[in-house]
Amino acid sequence: MKIPEVIFRFQTEQTTSASLEAIKYEILQKLKEYDYRVTAVTTNSVTFKEKPGMVVTGVESKKLLSGGEFLINQLEYSNTLVFNYRINILPGFVILFIVLTFCIIERMYSGIPFFGGFFLIASVFQYFSFKTAGKEILDEIITEAIDIT
């Protein structure tokens, strides 16, 4: 049985003068560095997923992506690198459900608004940190690909 996913999807892109080969090389190096599993490599795309059972801390937000795809669009004098990535937010909902269930069972009704508010604030913070994590990964790849070229 496959576990369902609740996913946020993001997209970021950037244009660079780096060569196609340098970009693909740096993408594969970054995915290896961040311990992702590459599922497909074509002439102009790289697809990846997280490794099963991957455990990370909040400090390592670049390692928290559930998967994604790098698309390289070749233009006449440059390349555009498009990064589509996703994050599974189901674990956060499971933790919230467990905490709220505990509060209801123990009749600690004042804890419900506290944990609900905390979860809402944490979710907004997490959303923006994931959004910037993709941009940071893309910037690192392009910077290092330009250094190679």
Protein backbone atom coordinates (compact mmCIF):
# COMPACT_ATOMS: atom_id res chain seq x y z
CA MET A 1 0.00 0.00 0.00
CA LYS A 2 1.38 3.36 -0.99
CA ILE A 3 1.33 6.13 1.61
CA PRO A 4 -0.57 9.17 0.31
CA GLU A 5 1.22 12.48 -0.09
CA VAL A 6 0.08 16.04 0.59
CA ILE A 7 2.34 18.11 -1.64
CA PHE A 8 3.34 21.72 -2.19
CA ARG A 9 4.74 22.28 -5.68
CA PHE A 10 7.22 25.05 -6.53
CA GLN A 11 9.02 26.25 -9.65
CA THR A 12 11.99 28.53 -10.11
CA GLU A 13 14.12 29.27 -13.16
CA GLN A 14 17.26 31.11 -14.12
CA THR A 15 19.12 31.85 -17.36
CA THR A 16 22.84 31.17 -17.62
CA SER A 17 25.67 31.17 -20.13
CA ALA A 18 27.02 27.85 -18.79
CA SER A 19 27.12 24.89 -21.15
CA LEU A 20 24.55 22.09 -21.09
CA GLU A 21 27.16 19.52 -20.03
CA ALA A 22 28.42 21.69 -17.15
CA ILE A 23 24.88 22.28 -15.91
CA LYS A 24 24.00 18.56 -15.99
CA TYR A 25 27.27 17.68 -14.25
CA GLU A 26 26.60 20.18 -11.44
CA ILE A 27 22.98 19.03 -11.06
CA LEU A 28 24.13 15.43 -10.59
CA GLN A 29 26.85 16.52 -8.15
CA LYS A 30 24.38 18.55 -6.04
CA LEU A 31 21.88 15.70 -5.95
CA LYS A 32 24.64 13.35 -4.84
CA GLU A 33 25.83 15.87 -2.22
CA TYR A 34 22.32 16.28 -0.80
CA ASP A 35 21.78 12.50 -0.88
CA TYR A 36 18.88 12.33 -3.36
CA ARG A 37 18.12 9.40 -5.66
CA VAL A 38 18.31 10.26 -9.37
CA THR A 39 15.46 8.51 -11.19
CA ALA A 40 15.96 9.68 -14.79
CA VAL A 41 18.51 11.57 -16.84
CA THR A 42 17.80 12.67 -20.42
CA THR A 43 19.55 15.08 -22.77
CA ASN A 44 17.79 18.09 -21.24
CA SER A 45 16.34 16.96 -17.89
CA VAL A 46 17.21 15.30 -14.59
CA THR A 47 14.53 13.86 -12.30
CA PHE A 48 15.09 12.97 -8.65
CA LYS A 49 13.33 11.71 -5.51
CA GLU A 50 14.22 11.57 -1.86
CA LYS A 51 15.72 8.36 -0.57
CA PRO A 52 13.26 6.32 1.50
CA GLY A 53 13.74 6.83 5.23
CA MET A 54 15.78 10.00 4.78
CA VAL A 55 15.92 11.81 8.14
CA VAL A 56 17.11 15.42 8.32
CA THR A 57 16.89 18.39 10.63
CA GLY A 58 15.27 21.75 9.88
CA VAL A 59 18.73 23.26 9.33
CA GLU A 60 19.14 21.08 6.25
CA SER A 61 16.13 22.47 4.37
CA LYS A 62 17.80 21.76 1.01
CA LYS A 63 17.56 18.07 1.87
CA LEU A 64 13.85 18.18 2.69
CA LEU A 65 12.55 18.20 -0.88
CA SER A 66 10.38 15.20 -1.77
CA GLY A 67 11.55 15.22 -5.35
CA GLY A 68 11.62 17.27 -8.48
CA GLU A 69 12.91 17.82 -11.97
CA PHE A 70 15.51 20.04 -13.59
CA LEU A 71 14.66 21.05 -17.17
CA ILE A 72 17.30 22.69 -19.37
CA ASN A 73 15.92 24.77 -22.22
CA GLN A 74 18.61 25.48 -24.78
CA LEU A 75 18.52 28.92 -26.34
CA GLU A 76 20.80 30.33 -29.02
CA TYR A 77 23.41 31.92 -26.71
CA SER A 78 22.32 30.74 -23.27
CA ASN A 79 20.48 28.04 -21.36
CA THR A 80 17.48 28.41 -19.08
CA LEU A 81 17.43 26.05 -16.13
CA VAL A 82 13.93 25.39 -14.75
CA PHE A 83 13.68 23.67 -11.37
CA ASN A 84 10.31 22.09 -10.49
CA TYR A 85 10.30 20.64 -6.99
CA ARG A 86 7.84 19.40 -4.40
CA ILE A 87 7.59 18.96 -0.66
CA ASN A 88 5.43 16.42 1.17
CA ILE A 89 3.72 18.11 4.12
CA LEU A 90 1.81 15.04 5.34
CA PRO A 91 4.18 14.33 8.28
CA GLY A 92 3.41 17.76 9.74
CA PHE A 93 -0.32 17.10 9.54
CA VAL A 94 0.12 13.69 11.20
CA ILE A 95 2.02 15.27 14.11
CA LEU A 96 -0.66 17.97 14.48
CA PHE A 97 -3.41 15.32 14.45
CA ILE A 98 -1.63 13.32 17.17
CA VAL A 99 -1.12 16.40 19.38
CA LEU A 100 -4.70 17.59 18.94
CA THR A 101 -6.05 14.08 19.63
CA PHE A 102 -4.00 13.94 22.81
CA CYS A 103 -5.34 17.35 23.89
CA ILE A 104 -8.94 16.22 23.31
CA ILE A 105 -8.47 12.88 25.11
CA GLU A 106 -6.86 14.58 28.11
CA ARG A 107 -9.49 17.36 28.04
CA MET A 108 -6.86 20.04 27.63
CA TYR A 109 -9.02 22.15 25.35
CA SER A 110 -6.91 25.27 25.90
CA GLY A 111 -4.05 23.46 24.14
CA ILE A 112 -5.96 23.18 20.89
CA PRO A 113 -5.77 26.89 19.92
CA PHE A 114 -2.14 27.03 21.11
CA PHE A 115 -0.98 24.08 19.02
CA GLY A 116 -3.20 25.12 16.10
CA GLY A 117 -1.70 28.61 16.10
CA PHE A 118 1.81 27.23 16.50
CA PHE A 119 1.26 24.87 13.57
CA LEU A 120 -0.09 27.70 11.41
CA ILE A 121 2.92 29.93 12.14
CA ALA A 122 5.35 27.04 11.62
CA SER A 123 3.65 26.14 8.31
CA VAL A 124 4.02 29.68 6.96
CA PHE A 125 7.69 29.73 7.98
CA GLN A 126 8.24 26.30 6.41
CA TYR A 127 6.55 27.36 3.17
CA PHE A 128 8.92 30.31 2.72
CA SER A 129 12.01 28.33 3.73
CA PHE A 130 11.18 25.65 1.13
CA LYS A 131 10.54 28.29 -1.50
CA THR A 132 14.00 29.81 -0.91
CA ALA A 133 15.67 26.37 -0.63
CA GLY A 134 14.94 25.67 -4.30
CA LYS A 135 16.32 29.05 -5.35
CA GLU A 136 19.47 28.46 -3.31
CA ILE A 137 20.03 25.05 -4.91
CA LEU A 138 19.53 26.55 -8.37
CA ASP A 139 21.94 29.42 -7.61
CA GLU A 140 24.60 26.98 -6.36
CA ILE A 141 24.28 24.81 -9.47
CA ILE A 142 24.51 27.74 -11.88
CA THR A 143 27.42 29.39 -10.04
CA GLU A 144 29.45 26.19 -10.06
CA ALA A 145 28.50 25.39 -13.67
CA ILE A 146 29.76 28.83 -14.78
CA ASP A 147 33.05 28.17 -12.94
CA ILE A 148 33.49 24.95 -14.96
CA THR A 149 32.70 26.62 -18.29
